[in-house]
Amino acid sequence: MVNKEKNFVSAVIYVYNAENRIRIFLNAIIRIMENNFEHSEIICVNDSSDDHSADIIKEVSAIASSTSVFIVNTSYFHGLEISFLNLIILIWILHPVSLWTSTTIL
């Protein structure tokens, strides 16, 4: 009998137009998870792939027995919104007074 870790573990995989390599990679991750953990999940963050990456993930996830595989789809604009917010926060950290005065910092 194999001793498997009882703690739940998650793996997050960033996916963008990876149809040529996602099948082998995901199979390897599923095998590692199922050999070492009783319960696990793999979250595939699909960053607006325009190939068949999501279809391959769905196909490969069918072989997983004790590992759940999820696809989280994001859009290009979602990434832009987050990066813009990070820029505003960074500017405020570097020049907190500048945002509240009429002085332009850029």
C-alpha atoms as a PDB file:
ATOM      1  CA  MET A   1       0.000   0.000   0.000  1.00  0.00           C
ATOM      2  CA  VAL A   2       1.269   3.449  -0.943  1.00  0.00           C
ATOM      3  CA  ASN A   3       1.352   6.195   1.675  1.00  0.00           C
ATOM      4  CA  LYS A   4      -0.130   9.348   0.180  1.00  0.00           C
ATOM      5  CA  GLU A   5      -0.167  12.828   1.636  1.00  0.00           C
ATOM      6  CA  LYS A   6      -3.555  13.548   3.210  1.00  0.00           C
ATOM      7  CA  ASN A   7      -3.360  17.350   2.892  1.00  0.00           C
ATOM      8  CA  PHE A   8      -5.172  18.887  -0.055  1.00  0.00           C
ATOM      9  CA  VAL A   9      -2.882  20.484  -2.629  1.00  0.00           C
ATOM     10  CA  SER A  10      -3.521  22.773  -5.608  1.00  0.00           C
ATOM     11  CA  ALA A  11      -1.408  23.431  -8.681  1.00  0.00           C
ATOM     12  CA  VAL A  12      -1.988  26.455 -10.877  1.00  0.00           C
ATOM     13  CA  ILE A  13      -0.904  26.273 -14.514  1.00  0.00           C
ATOM     14  CA  TYR A  14      -0.822  29.306 -16.789  1.00  0.00           C
ATOM     15  CA  VAL A  15      -1.932  28.366 -20.313  1.00  0.00           C
ATOM     16  CA  TYR A  16      -1.594  30.450 -23.450  1.00  0.00           C
ATOM     17  CA  ASN A  17      -1.641  28.763 -26.869  1.00  0.00           C
ATOM     18  CA  ALA A  18      -0.042  25.614 -25.478  1.00  0.00           C
ATOM     19  CA  GLU A  19      -1.773  22.953 -27.567  1.00  0.00           C
ATOM     20  CA  ASN A  20       1.597  21.506 -28.662  1.00  0.00           C
ATOM     21  CA  ARG A  21       2.816  20.837 -25.121  1.00  0.00           C
ATOM     22  CA  ILE A  22      -0.116  20.919 -22.679  1.00  0.00           C
ATOM     23  CA  ARG A  23      -1.091  17.239 -23.109  1.00  0.00           C
ATOM     24  CA  ILE A  24       2.316  15.852 -22.018  1.00  0.00           C
ATOM     25  CA  PHE A  25       2.724  18.453 -19.269  1.00  0.00           C
ATOM     26  CA  LEU A  26      -0.769  17.993 -17.820  1.00  0.00           C
ATOM     27  CA  ASN A  27      -0.476  14.187 -17.930  1.00  0.00           C
ATOM     28  CA  ALA A  28       2.767  14.438 -15.953  1.00  0.00           C
ATOM     29  CA  ILE A  29       1.244  16.780 -13.355  1.00  0.00           C
ATOM     30  CA  ILE A  30      -1.839  14.575 -12.942  1.00  0.00           C
ATOM     31  CA  ARG A  31       0.372  11.504 -12.494  1.00  0.00           C
ATOM     32  CA  ILE A  32       2.502  13.274  -9.856  1.00  0.00           C
ATOM     33  CA  MET A  33      -0.565  14.535  -7.995  1.00  0.00           C
ATOM     34  CA  GLU A  34      -2.346  11.194  -7.985  1.00  0.00           C
ATOM     35  CA  ASN A  35       0.756   9.241  -6.967  1.00  0.00           C
ATOM     36  CA  ASN A  36       1.511  11.516  -4.019  1.00  0.00           C
ATOM     37  CA  PHE A  37      -1.748  13.066  -2.766  1.00  0.00           C
ATOM     38  CA  GLU A  38      -5.112  11.630  -1.780  1.00  0.00           C
ATOM     39  CA  HIS A  39      -6.965  14.739  -2.970  1.00  0.00           C
ATOM     40  CA  SER A  40      -5.713  17.489  -5.243  1.00  0.00           C
ATOM     41  CA  GLU A  41      -6.735  19.982  -7.872  1.00  0.00           C
ATOM     42  CA  ILE A  42      -5.175  21.542 -10.928  1.00  0.00           C
ATOM     43  CA  ILE A  43      -6.346  24.987 -11.973  1.00  0.00           C
ATOM     44  CA  CYS A  44      -5.532  25.846 -15.578  1.00  0.00           C
ATOM     45  CA  VAL A  45      -5.689  29.599 -16.162  1.00  0.00           C
ATOM     46  CA  ASN A  46      -6.438  29.980 -19.857  1.00  0.00           C
ATOM     47  CA  ASP A  47      -5.306  33.441 -20.930  1.00  0.00           C
ATOM     48  CA  SER A  48      -7.433  33.819 -24.078  1.00  0.00           C
ATOM     49  CA  SER A  49      -5.767  31.016 -26.016  1.00  0.00           C
ATOM     50  CA  ASP A  50      -6.903  30.967 -29.617  1.00  0.00           C
ATOM     51  CA  ASP A  51      -5.836  27.375 -30.226  1.00  0.00           C
ATOM     52  CA  HIS A  52      -7.231  24.065 -28.892  1.00  0.00           C
ATOM     53  CA  SER A  53      -5.549  24.219 -25.473  1.00  0.00           C
ATOM     54  CA  ALA A  54      -8.847  24.222 -23.534  1.00  0.00           C
ATOM     55  CA  ASP A  55     -10.180  21.236 -25.508  1.00  0.00           C
ATOM     56  CA  ILE A  56      -7.021  19.255 -24.798  1.00  0.00           C
ATOM     57  CA  ILE A  57      -7.216  20.109 -21.087  1.00  0.00           C
ATOM     58  CA  LYS A  58     -10.817  18.838 -20.975  1.00  0.00           C
ATOM     59  CA  GLU A  59      -9.808  15.659 -22.792  1.00  0.00           C
ATOM     60  CA  VAL A  60      -6.799  14.943 -20.562  1.00  0.00           C
ATOM     61  CA  SER A  61      -8.707  15.759 -17.358  1.00  0.00           C
ATOM     62  CA  ALA A  62     -11.002  12.786 -18.011  1.00  0.00           C
ATOM     63  CA  ILE A  63      -8.184  10.406 -16.986  1.00  0.00           C
ATOM     64  CA  ALA A  64      -7.831  11.996 -13.540  1.00  0.00           C
ATOM     65  CA  SER A  65      -9.477  10.012 -10.772  1.00  0.00           C
ATOM     66  CA  SER A  66      -8.564  11.728  -7.487  1.00  0.00           C
ATOM     67  CA  THR A  67      -7.449  15.037  -8.995  1.00  0.00           C
ATOM     68  CA  SER A  68      -9.939  17.691 -10.071  1.00  0.00           C
ATOM     69  CA  VAL A  69      -8.980  19.729 -13.120  1.00  0.00           C
ATOM     70  CA  PHE A  70     -10.521  23.160 -13.660  1.00  0.00           C
ATOM     71  CA  ILE A  71     -10.198  25.733 -16.425  1.00  0.00           C
ATOM     72  CA  VAL A  72     -10.445  29.402 -15.532  1.00  0.00           C
ATOM     73  CA  ASN A  73     -10.811  31.539 -18.633  1.00  0.00           C
ATOM     74  CA  THR A  74      -9.512  35.083 -18.550  1.00  0.00           C
ATOM     75  CA  SER A  75      -9.640  37.718 -21.228  1.00  0.00           C
ATOM     76  CA  TYR A  76      -6.998  40.039 -22.560  1.00  0.00           C
ATOM     77  CA  PHE A  77      -8.843  42.990 -21.065  1.00  0.00           C
ATOM     78  CA  HIS A  78      -8.913  41.360 -17.640  1.00  0.00           C
ATOM     79  CA  GLY A  79      -5.119  41.353 -17.638  1.00  0.00           C
ATOM     80  CA  LEU A  80      -5.033  44.979 -18.758  1.00  0.00           C
ATOM     81  CA  GLU A  81      -7.350  46.024 -15.936  1.00  0.00           C
ATOM     82  CA  ILE A  82      -5.189  44.343 -13.329  1.00  0.00           C
ATOM     83  CA  SER A  83      -1.963  45.782 -14.739  1.00  0.00           C
ATOM     84  CA  PHE A  84      -3.492  49.294 -14.878  1.00  0.00           C
ATOM     85  CA  LEU A  85      -4.621  49.009 -11.253  1.00  0.00           C
ATOM     86  CA  ASN A  86      -1.121  47.853 -10.245  1.00  0.00           C
ATOM     87  CA  LEU A  87       0.354  50.870 -12.056  1.00  0.00           C
ATOM     88  CA  ILE A  88      -1.950  53.269 -10.188  1.00  0.00           C
ATOM     89  CA  ILE A  89      -1.040  51.638  -6.862  1.00  0.00           C
ATOM     90  CA  LEU A  90       2.665  51.810  -7.706  1.00  0.00           C
ATOM     91  CA  ILE A  91       2.424  55.497  -8.630  1.00  0.00           C
ATOM     92  CA  TRP A  92       0.563  56.224  -5.402  1.00  0.00           C
ATOM     93  CA  ILE A  93       3.209  54.373  -3.344  1.00  0.00           C
ATOM     94  CA  LEU A  94       6.046  56.287  -5.033  1.00  0.00           C
ATOM     95  CA  HIS A  95       4.324  59.688  -5.034  1.00  0.00           C
ATOM     96  CA  PRO A  96       1.350  59.647  -2.631  1.00  0.00           C
ATOM     97  CA  VAL A  97       0.905  63.416  -2.547  1.00  0.00           C
ATOM     98  CA  SER A  98       1.132  63.822  -6.326  1.00  0.00           C
ATOM     99  CA  LEU A  99      -2.227  62.156  -6.947  1.00  0.00           C
ATOM    100  CA  TRP A 100      -4.030  64.675  -4.752  1.00  0.00           C
ATOM    101  CA  THR A 101      -2.419  67.845  -6.092  1.00  0.00           C
ATOM    102  CA  SER A 102      -2.497  69.512  -9.465  1.00  0.00           C
ATOM    103  CA  THR A 103       1.117  68.525 -10.133  1.00  0.00           C
ATOM    104  CA  THR A 104       1.488  66.017 -12.940  1.00  0.00           C
ATOM    105  CA  ILE A 105       3.886  63.165 -12.184  1.00  0.00           C
ATOM    106  CA  LEU A 106       4.185  61.779 -15.686  1.00  0.00           C
END
